[in-house]
Amino acid sequence: SLNLSCAASGSTLDDVAIGWFRQAPGKEREGISCIG
């Protein structure tokens, strides 16, 4: 298991959608999980 973190600065995250994407070698970047 791993726990990834995404830290924001310069603005709050209120009312902002955040998504996690992944890109494997030779493949397109794809959305895997998003939260409102």
PDB file of all heavy atoms in Angstrom:
ATOM      1  N   SER A   1       0.824  -1.201   0.000  1.00  0.00           N
ATOM      2  CA  SER A   1       0.000   0.000   0.000  1.00  0.00           C
ATOM      3  C   SER A   1       0.859   1.252   0.000  1.00  0.00           C
ATOM      4  O   SER A   1       2.004   1.251   0.466  1.00  0.00           O
ATOM      5  CB  SER A   1      -0.910   0.027   1.234  1.00  0.00           C
ATOM      6  OG  SER A   1      -1.789  -1.080   1.263  1.00  0.00           O
ATOM      7  N   LEU A   2       0.284   2.320  -0.526  1.00  0.00           N
ATOM      8  CA  LEU A   2       0.880   3.643  -0.477  1.00  0.00           C
ATOM      9  C   LEU A   2      -0.219   4.664  -0.263  1.00  0.00           C
ATOM     10  O   LEU A   2      -1.358   4.454  -0.683  1.00  0.00           O
ATOM     11  CB  LEU A   2       1.633   3.976  -1.769  1.00  0.00           C
ATOM     12  CG  LEU A   2       2.982   3.298  -2.018  1.00  0.00           C
ATOM     13  CD1 LEU A   2       3.483   3.644  -3.419  1.00  0.00           C
ATOM     14  CD2 LEU A   2       3.999   3.722  -0.973  1.00  0.00           C
ATOM     15  N   ASN A   3       0.131   5.765   0.375  1.00  0.00           N
ATOM     16  CA  ASN A   3      -0.790   6.875   0.562  1.00  0.00           C
ATOM     17  C   ASN A   3      -0.180   8.120  -0.059  1.00  0.00           C
ATOM     18  O   ASN A   3       0.807   8.655   0.452  1.00  0.00           O
ATOM     19  CB  ASN A   3      -1.080   7.100   2.047  1.00  0.00           C
ATOM     20  CG  ASN A   3      -2.191   8.102   2.274  1.00  0.00           C
ATOM     21  OD1 ASN A   3      -3.016   8.354   1.392  1.00  0.00           O
ATOM     22  ND2 ASN A   3      -2.231   8.680   3.471  1.00  0.00           N
ATOM     23  N   LEU A   4      -0.747   8.552  -1.166  1.00  0.00           N
ATOM     24  CA  LEU A   4      -0.255   9.733  -1.855  1.00  0.00           C
ATOM     25  C   LEU A   4      -0.916  10.987  -1.310  1.00  0.00           C
ATOM     26  O   LEU A   4      -2.081  10.964  -0.917  1.00  0.00           O
ATOM     27  CB  LEU A   4      -0.525   9.636  -3.358  1.00  0.00           C
ATOM     28  CG  LEU A   4      -0.001   8.393  -4.075  1.00  0.00           C
ATOM     29  CD1 LEU A   4      -0.270   8.501  -5.574  1.00  0.00           C
ATOM     30  CD2 LEU A   4       1.482   8.188  -3.813  1.00  0.00           C
ATOM     31  N   SER A   5      -0.166  12.077  -1.314  1.00  0.00           N
ATOM     32  CA  SER A   5      -0.680  13.358  -0.855  1.00  0.00           C
ATOM     33  C   SER A   5      -0.529  14.403  -1.947  1.00  0.00           C
ATOM     34  O   SER A   5       0.436  14.389  -2.708  1.00  0.00           O
ATOM     35  CB  SER A   5       0.061  13.836   0.397  1.00  0.00           C
ATOM     36  OG  SER A   5      -0.113  12.945   1.476  1.00  0.00           O
ATOM     37  N   CYS A   6      -1.486  15.300  -2.011  1.00  0.00           N
ATOM     38  CA  CYS A   6      -1.455  16.432  -2.926  1.00  0.00           C
ATOM     39  C   CYS A   6      -1.684  17.683  -2.101  1.00  0.00           C
ATOM     40  O   CYS A   6      -2.803  17.928  -1.641  1.00  0.00           O
ATOM     41  CB  CYS A   6      -2.524  16.271  -4.010  1.00  0.00           C
ATOM     42  SG  CYS A   6      -2.705  17.697  -5.110  1.00  0.00           S
ATOM     43  N   ALA A   7      -0.636  18.451  -1.898  1.00  0.00           N
ATOM     44  CA  ALA A   7      -0.702  19.648  -1.076  1.00  0.00           C
ATOM     45  C   ALA A   7      -0.845  20.882  -1.950  1.00  0.00           C
ATOM     46  O   ALA A   7      -0.117  21.051  -2.929  1.00  0.00           O
ATOM     47  CB  ALA A   7       0.547  19.766  -0.205  1.00  0.00           C
ATOM     48  N   ALA A   8      -1.766  21.750  -1.580  1.00  0.00           N
ATOM     49  CA  ALA A   8      -2.034  22.964  -2.338  1.00  0.00           C
ATOM     50  C   ALA A   8      -1.531  24.184  -1.581  1.00  0.00           C
ATOM     51  O   ALA A   8      -1.546  24.226  -0.348  1.00  0.00           O
ATOM     52  CB  ALA A   8      -3.522  23.109  -2.622  1.00  0.00           C
ATOM     53  N   SER A   9      -1.105  25.172  -2.326  1.00  0.00           N
ATOM     54  CA  SER A   9      -0.711  26.453  -1.759  1.00  0.00           C
ATOM     55  C   SER A   9      -1.201  27.566  -2.674  1.00  0.00           C
ATOM     56  O   SER A   9      -1.499  27.340  -3.846  1.00  0.00           O
ATOM     57  CB  SER A   9       0.810  26.548  -1.585  1.00  0.00           C
ATOM     58  OG  SER A   9       1.471  26.455  -2.839  1.00  0.00           O
ATOM     59  N   GLY A  10      -1.294  28.758  -2.122  1.00  0.00           N
ATOM     60  CA  GLY A  10      -1.724  29.897  -2.908  1.00  0.00           C
ATOM     61  C   GLY A  10      -3.223  30.090  -2.964  1.00  0.00           C
ATOM     62  O   GLY A  10      -3.694  31.143  -3.392  1.00  0.00           O
ATOM     63  N   SER A  11      -3.981  29.081  -2.535  1.00  0.00           N
ATOM     64  CA  SER A  11      -5.430  29.148  -2.553  1.00  0.00           C
ATOM     65  C   SER A  11      -5.987  28.043  -1.671  1.00  0.00           C
ATOM     66  O   SER A  11      -5.323  27.037  -1.423  1.00  0.00           O
ATOM     67  CB  SER A  11      -5.966  29.018  -3.986  1.00  0.00           C
ATOM     68  OG  SER A  11      -7.378  29.054  -4.004  1.00  0.00           O
ATOM     69  N   THR A  12      -7.210  28.221  -1.208  1.00  0.00           N
ATOM     70  CA  THR A  12      -7.892  27.153  -0.491  1.00  0.00           C
ATOM     71  C   THR A  12      -8.454  26.146  -1.487  1.00  0.00           C
ATOM     72  O   THR A  12      -8.513  26.403  -2.693  1.00  0.00           O
ATOM     73  CB  THR A  12      -9.027  27.700   0.378  1.00  0.00           C
ATOM     74  OG1 THR A  12     -10.075  28.188  -0.468  1.00  0.00           O
ATOM     75  CG2 THR A  12      -8.533  28.837   1.255  1.00  0.00           C
ATOM     76  N   LEU A  13      -8.861  24.991  -0.976  1.00  0.00           N
ATOM     77  CA  LEU A  13      -9.455  23.962  -1.820  1.00  0.00           C
ATOM     78  C   LEU A  13     -10.977  23.979  -1.775  1.00  0.00           C
ATOM     79  O   LEU A  13     -11.616  23.095  -2.351  1.00  0.00           O
ATOM     80  CB  LEU A  13      -8.943  22.584  -1.410  1.00  0.00           C
ATOM     81  CG  LEU A  13      -7.454  22.325  -1.622  1.00  0.00           C
ATOM     82  CD1 LEU A  13      -7.106  20.896  -1.221  1.00  0.00           C
ATOM     83  CD2 LEU A  13      -7.060  22.589  -3.063  1.00  0.00           C
ATOM     84  N   ASP A  14     -11.552  24.941  -1.104  1.00  0.00           N
ATOM     85  CA  ASP A  14     -12.998  25.034  -1.032  1.00  0.00           C
ATOM     86  C   ASP A  14     -13.599  25.187  -2.425  1.00  0.00           C
ATOM     87  O   ASP A  14     -13.163  26.026  -3.213  1.00  0.00           O
ATOM     88  CB  ASP A  14     -13.421  26.210  -0.160  1.00  0.00           C
ATOM     89  CG  ASP A  14     -13.012  26.039   1.292  1.00  0.00           C
ATOM     90  OD1 ASP A  14     -12.664  24.917   1.694  1.00  0.00           O
ATOM     91  OD2 ASP A  14     -13.034  27.050   2.028  1.00  0.00           O
ATOM     92  N   ASP A  15     -14.588  24.363  -2.726  1.00  0.00           N
ATOM     93  CA  ASP A  15     -15.317  24.420  -3.993  1.00  0.00           C
ATOM     94  C   ASP A  15     -14.429  24.149  -5.199  1.00  0.00           C
ATOM     95  O   ASP A  15     -14.733  24.591  -6.315  1.00  0.00           O
ATOM     96  CB  ASP A  15     -16.026  25.765  -4.153  1.00  0.00           C
ATOM     97  CG  ASP A  15     -17.023  26.039  -3.052  1.00  0.00           C
ATOM     98  OD1 ASP A  15     -17.739  25.092  -2.655  1.00  0.00           O
ATOM     99  OD2 ASP A  15     -17.098  27.194  -2.588  1.00  0.00           O
ATOM    100  N   VAL A  16     -13.345  23.433  -4.986  1.00  0.00           N
ATOM    101  CA  VAL A  16     -12.434  23.063  -6.066  1.00  0.00           C
ATOM    102  C   VAL A  16     -12.419  21.547  -6.200  1.00  0.00           C
ATOM    103  O   VAL A  16     -12.256  20.830  -5.217  1.00  0.00           O
ATOM    104  CB  VAL A  16     -11.012  23.585  -5.812  1.00  0.00           C
ATOM    105  CG1 VAL A  16     -10.058  23.090  -6.891  1.00  0.00           C
ATOM    106  CG2 VAL A  16     -11.006  25.107  -5.767  1.00  0.00           C
ATOM    107  N   ALA A  17     -12.584  21.069  -7.416  1.00  0.00           N
ATOM    108  CA  ALA A  17     -12.493  19.641  -7.685  1.00  0.00           C
ATOM    109  C   ALA A  17     -11.029  19.234  -7.813  1.00  0.00           C
ATOM    110  O   ALA A  17     -10.234  19.933  -8.444  1.00  0.00           O
ATOM    111  CB  ALA A  17     -13.251  19.285  -8.959  1.00  0.00           C
ATOM    112  N   ILE A  18     -10.686  18.099  -7.224  1.00  0.00           N
ATOM    113  CA  ILE A  18      -9.327  17.579  -7.270  1.00  0.00           C
ATOM    114  C   ILE A  18      -9.358  16.182  -7.882  1.00  0.00           C
ATOM    115  O   ILE A  18     -10.222  15.369  -7.547  1.00  0.00           O
ATOM    116  CB  ILE A  18      -8.684  17.524  -5.880  1.00  0.00           C
ATOM    117  CG1 ILE A  18      -8.655  18.920  -5.243  1.00  0.00           C
ATOM    118  CG2 ILE A  18      -7.270  16.947  -5.970  1.00  0.00           C
ATOM    119  CD1 ILE A  18      -7.767  19.906  -5.959  1.00  0.00           C
ATOM    120  N   GLY A  19      -8.411  15.908  -8.753  1.00  0.00           N
ATOM    121  CA  GLY A  19      -8.332  14.609  -9.386  1.00  0.00           C
ATOM    122  C   GLY A  19      -6.945  14.011  -9.303  1.00  0.00           C
ATOM    123  O   GLY A  19      -5.946  14.729  -9.220  1.00  0.00           O
ATOM    124  N   TRP A  20      -6.905  12.679  -9.305  1.00  0.00           N
ATOM    125  CA  TRP A  20      -5.655  11.935  -9.400  1.00  0.00           C
ATOM    126  C   TRP A  20      -5.584  11.280 -10.774  1.00  0.00           C
ATOM    127  O   TRP A  20      -6.554  10.650 -11.221  1.00  0.00           O
ATOM    128  CB  TRP A  20      -5.542  10.880  -8.308  1.00  0.00           C
ATOM    129  CG  TRP A  20      -5.182  11.439  -6.966  1.00  0.00           C
ATOM    130  CD1 TRP A  20      -6.014  11.718  -5.926  1.00  0.00           C
ATOM    131  CD2 TRP A  20      -3.866  11.783  -6.523  1.00  0.00           C
ATOM    132  NE1 TRP A  20      -5.319  12.218  -4.865  1.00  0.00           N
ATOM    133  CE2 TRP A  20      -3.985  12.273  -5.199  1.00  0.00           C
ATOM    134  CE3 TRP A  20      -2.597  11.731  -7.098  1.00  0.00           C
ATOM    135  CZ2 TRP A  20      -2.893  12.703  -4.455  1.00  0.00           C
ATOM    136  CZ3 TRP A  20      -1.506  12.163  -6.357  1.00  0.00           C
ATOM    137  CH2 TRP A  20      -1.667  12.642  -5.052  1.00  0.00           C
ATOM    138  N   PHE A  21      -4.447  11.422 -11.410  1.00  0.00           N
ATOM    139  CA  PHE A  21      -4.200  10.865 -12.728  1.00  0.00           C
ATOM    140  C   PHE A  21      -2.944  10.009 -12.688  1.00  0.00           C
ATOM    141  O   PHE A  21      -2.103  10.164 -11.806  1.00  0.00           O
ATOM    142  CB  PHE A  21      -4.026  11.985 -13.770  1.00  0.00           C
ATOM    143  CG  PHE A  21      -5.265  12.795 -14.018  1.00  0.00           C
ATOM    144  CD1 PHE A  21      -5.764  13.661 -13.057  1.00  0.00           C
ATOM    145  CD2 PHE A  21      -5.932  12.700 -15.234  1.00  0.00           C
ATOM    146  CE1 PHE A  21      -6.905  14.413 -13.284  1.00  0.00           C
ATOM    147  CE2 PHE A  21      -7.074  13.455 -15.479  1.00  0.00           C
ATOM    148  CZ  PHE A  21      -7.556  14.302 -14.502  1.00  0.00           C
ATOM    149  N   ARG A  22      -2.808   9.130 -13.659  1.00  0.00           N
ATOM    150  CA  ARG A  22      -1.590   8.347 -13.770  1.00  0.00           C
ATOM    151  C   ARG A  22      -1.168   8.256 -15.223  1.00  0.00           C
ATOM    152  O   ARG A  22      -1.995   8.317 -16.132  1.00  0.00           O
ATOM    153  CB  ARG A  22      -1.766   6.945 -13.189  1.00  0.00           C
ATOM    154  CG  ARG A  22      -2.682   6.033 -13.992  1.00  0.00           C
ATOM    155  CD  ARG A  22      -2.823   4.686 -13.308  1.00  0.00           C
ATOM    156  NE  ARG A  22      -3.705   3.796 -14.048  1.00  0.00           N
ATOM    157  CZ  ARG A  22      -4.128   2.619 -13.598  1.00  0.00           C
ATOM    158  NH1 ARG A  22      -3.736   2.192 -12.396  1.00  0.00           N
ATOM    159  NH2 ARG A  22      -4.930   1.872 -14.338  1.00  0.00           N
ATOM    160  N   GLN A  23       0.120   8.120 -15.423  1.00  0.00           N
ATOM    161  CA  GLN A  23       0.672   7.974 -16.758  1.00  0.00           C
ATOM    162  C   GLN A  23       1.797   6.949 -16.711  1.00  0.00           C
ATOM    163  O   GLN A  23       2.847   7.204 -16.124  1.00  0.00           O
ATOM    164  CB  GLN A  23       1.177   9.309 -17.297  1.00  0.00           C
ATOM    165  CG  GLN A  23       1.610   9.249 -18.747  1.00  0.00           C
ATOM    166  CD  GLN A  23       1.793  10.628 -19.361  1.00  0.00           C
ATOM    167  OE1 GLN A  23       1.954  11.619 -18.653  1.00  0.00           O
ATOM    168  NE2 GLN A  23       1.749  10.693 -20.674  1.00  0.00           N
ATOM    169  N   ALA A  24       1.550   5.808 -17.323  1.00  0.00           N
ATOM    170  CA  ALA A  24       2.551   4.766 -17.430  1.00  0.00           C
ATOM    171  C   ALA A  24       3.393   4.989 -18.675  1.00  0.00           C
ATOM    172  O   ALA A  24       2.962   5.671 -19.613  1.00  0.00           O
ATOM    173  CB  ALA A  24       1.878   3.397 -17.481  1.00  0.00           C
ATOM    174  N   PRO A  25       4.589   4.426 -18.719  1.00  0.00           N
ATOM    175  CA  PRO A  25       5.447   4.605 -19.893  1.00  0.00           C
ATOM    176  C   PRO A  25       4.746   4.181 -21.176  1.00  0.00           C
ATOM    177  O   PRO A  25       4.193   3.083 -21.265  1.00  0.00           O
ATOM    178  CB  PRO A  25       6.652   3.709 -19.591  1.00  0.00           C
ATOM    179  CG  PRO A  25       6.703   3.657 -18.098  1.00  0.00           C
ATOM    180  CD  PRO A  25       5.268   3.652 -17.661  1.00  0.00           C
ATOM    181  N   GLY A  26       4.748   5.054 -22.167  1.00  0.00           N
ATOM    182  CA  GLY A  26       4.149   4.754 -23.453  1.00  0.00           C
ATOM    183  C   GLY A  26       2.643   4.860 -23.503  1.00  0.00           C
ATOM    184  O   GLY A  26       2.047   4.541 -24.534  1.00  0.00           O
ATOM    185  N   LYS A  27       2.012   5.303 -22.426  1.00  0.00           N
ATOM    186  CA  LYS A  27       0.563   5.411 -22.382  1.00  0.00           C
ATOM    187  C   LYS A  27       0.129   6.844 -22.105  1.00  0.00           C
ATOM    188  O   LYS A  27       0.916   7.671 -21.642  1.00  0.00           O
ATOM    189  CB  LYS A  27      -0.019   4.480 -21.319  1.00  0.00           C
ATOM    190  CG  LYS A  27       0.210   3.002 -21.595  1.00  0.00           C
ATOM    191  CD  LYS A  27      -0.494   2.132 -20.578  1.00  0.00           C
ATOM    192  CE  LYS A  27      -0.318   0.662 -20.887  1.00  0.00           C
ATOM    193  NZ  LYS A  27      -1.034  -0.193 -19.898  1.00  0.00           N
ATOM    194  N   GLU A  28      -1.139   7.127 -22.388  1.00  0.00           N
ATOM    195  CA  GLU A  28      -1.694   8.449 -22.162  1.00  0.00           C
ATOM    196  C   GLU A  28      -1.986   8.665 -20.684  1.00  0.00           C
ATOM    197  O   GLU A  28      -2.222   7.719 -19.932  1.00  0.00           O
ATOM    198  CB  GLU A  28      -2.972   8.640 -22.978  1.00  0.00           C
ATOM    199  CG  GLU A  28      -2.782   8.567 -24.481  1.00  0.00           C
ATOM    200  CD  GLU A  28      -4.079   8.751 -25.235  1.00  0.00           C
ATOM    201  OE1 GLU A  28      -5.144   8.777 -24.595  1.00  0.00           O
ATOM    202  OE2 GLU A  28      -4.030   8.876 -26.469  1.00  0.00           O
ATOM    203  N   ARG A  29      -1.979   9.924 -20.290  1.00  0.00           N
ATOM    204  CA  ARG A  29      -2.369  10.267 -18.933  1.00  0.00           C
ATOM    205  C   ARG A  29      -3.876  10.089 -18.789  1.00  0.00           C
ATOM    206  O   ARG A  29      -4.659  10.560 -19.620  1.00  0.00           O
ATOM    207  CB  ARG A  29      -1.971  11.707 -18.620  1.00  0.00           C
ATOM    208  CG  ARG A  29      -2.185  12.119 -17.178  1.00  0.00           C
ATOM    209  CD  ARG A  29      -1.661  13.530 -16.912  1.00  0.00           C
ATOM    210  NE  ARG A  29      -0.249  13.655 -17.238  1.00  0.00           N
ATOM    211  CZ  ARG A  29       0.473  14.754 -17.034  1.00  0.00           C
ATOM    212  NH1 ARG A  29      -0.086  15.825 -16.496  1.00  0.00           N
ATOM    213  NH2 ARG A  29       1.757  14.782 -17.380  1.00  0.00           N
ATOM    214  N   GLU A  30      -4.288   9.403 -17.732  1.00  0.00           N
ATOM    215  CA  GLU A  30      -5.695   9.101 -17.549  1.00  0.00           C
ATOM    216  C   GLU A  30      -6.151   9.423 -16.134  1.00  0.00           C
ATOM    217  O   GLU A  30      -5.403   9.250 -15.172  1.00  0.00           O
ATOM    218  CB  GLU A  30      -5.974   7.628 -17.849  1.00  0.00           C
ATOM    219  CG  GLU A  30      -5.246   6.661 -16.943  1.00  0.00           C
ATOM    220  CD  GLU A  30      -5.611   5.213 -17.194  1.00  0.00           C
ATOM    221  OE1 GLU A  30      -6.612   4.957 -17.887  1.00  0.00           O
ATOM    222  OE2 GLU A  30      -4.886   4.322 -16.693  1.00  0.00           O
ATOM    223  N   GLY A  31      -7.385   9.875 -16.030  1.00  0.00           N
ATOM    224  CA  GLY A  31      -7.971  10.136 -14.732  1.00  0.00           C
ATOM    225  C   GLY A  31      -8.364   8.839 -14.060  1.00  0.00           C
ATOM    226  O   GLY A  31      -8.991   7.976 -14.672  1.00  0.00           O
ATOM    227  N   ILE A  32      -8.014   8.690 -12.788  1.00  0.00           N
ATOM    228  CA  ILE A  32      -8.340   7.476 -12.061  1.00  0.00           C
ATOM    229  C   ILE A  32      -9.276   7.726 -10.882  1.00  0.00           C
ATOM    230  O   ILE A  32     -10.033   6.831 -10.500  1.00  0.00           O
ATOM    231  CB  ILE A  32      -7.075   6.742 -11.573  1.00  0.00           C
ATOM    232  CG1 ILE A  32      -6.233   7.648 -10.669  1.00  0.00           C
ATOM    233  CG2 ILE A  32      -6.245   6.270 -12.769  1.00  0.00           C
ATOM    234  CD1 ILE A  32      -5.075   6.924 -10.013  1.00  0.00           C
ATOM    235  N   SER A  33      -9.240   8.912 -10.314  1.00  0.00           N
ATOM    236  CA  SER A  33     -10.113   9.216  -9.193  1.00  0.00           C
ATOM    237  C   SER A  33     -10.228  10.718  -9.017  1.00  0.00           C
ATOM    238  O   SER A  33      -9.215  11.421  -9.034  1.00  0.00           O
ATOM    239  CB  SER A  33      -9.593   8.577  -7.904  1.00  0.00           C
ATOM    240  OG  SER A  33     -10.500   8.779  -6.833  1.00  0.00           O
ATOM    241  N   CYS A  34     -11.448  11.213  -8.836  1.00  0.00           N
ATOM    242  CA  CYS A  34     -11.689  12.637  -8.632  1.00  0.00           C
ATOM    243  C   CYS A  34     -12.683  12.832  -7.501  1.00  0.00           C
ATOM    244  O   CYS A  34     -13.529  11.975  -7.236  1.00  0.00           O
ATOM    245  CB  CYS A  34     -12.213  13.302  -9.906  1.00  0.00           C
ATOM    246  SG  CYS A  34     -10.992  13.466 -11.232  1.00  0.00           S
ATOM    247  N   ILE A  35     -12.594  13.999  -6.862  1.00  0.00           N
ATOM    248  CA  ILE A  35     -13.450  14.298  -5.729  1.00  0.00           C
ATOM    249  C   ILE A  35     -13.910  15.742  -5.820  1.00  0.00           C
ATOM    250  O   ILE A  35     -13.142  16.632  -6.194  1.00  0.00           O
ATOM    251  CB  ILE A  35     -12.723  14.022  -4.397  1.00  0.00           C
ATOM    252  CG1 ILE A  35     -13.675  14.175  -3.211  1.00  0.00           C
ATOM    253  CG2 ILE A  35     -11.504  14.928  -4.243  1.00  0.00           C
ATOM    254  CD1 ILE A  35     -13.076  13.667  -1.903  1.00  0.00           C
ATOM    255  N   GLY A  36     -15.172  15.980  -5.484  1.00  0.00           N
ATOM    256  CA  GLY A  36     -15.733  17.313  -5.491  1.00  0.00           C
ATOM    257  C   GLY A  36     -15.634  17.971  -4.133  1.00  0.00           C
ATOM    258  O   GLY A  36     -14.844  17.573  -3.279  1.00  0.00           O
TER     259      GLY A  36
END
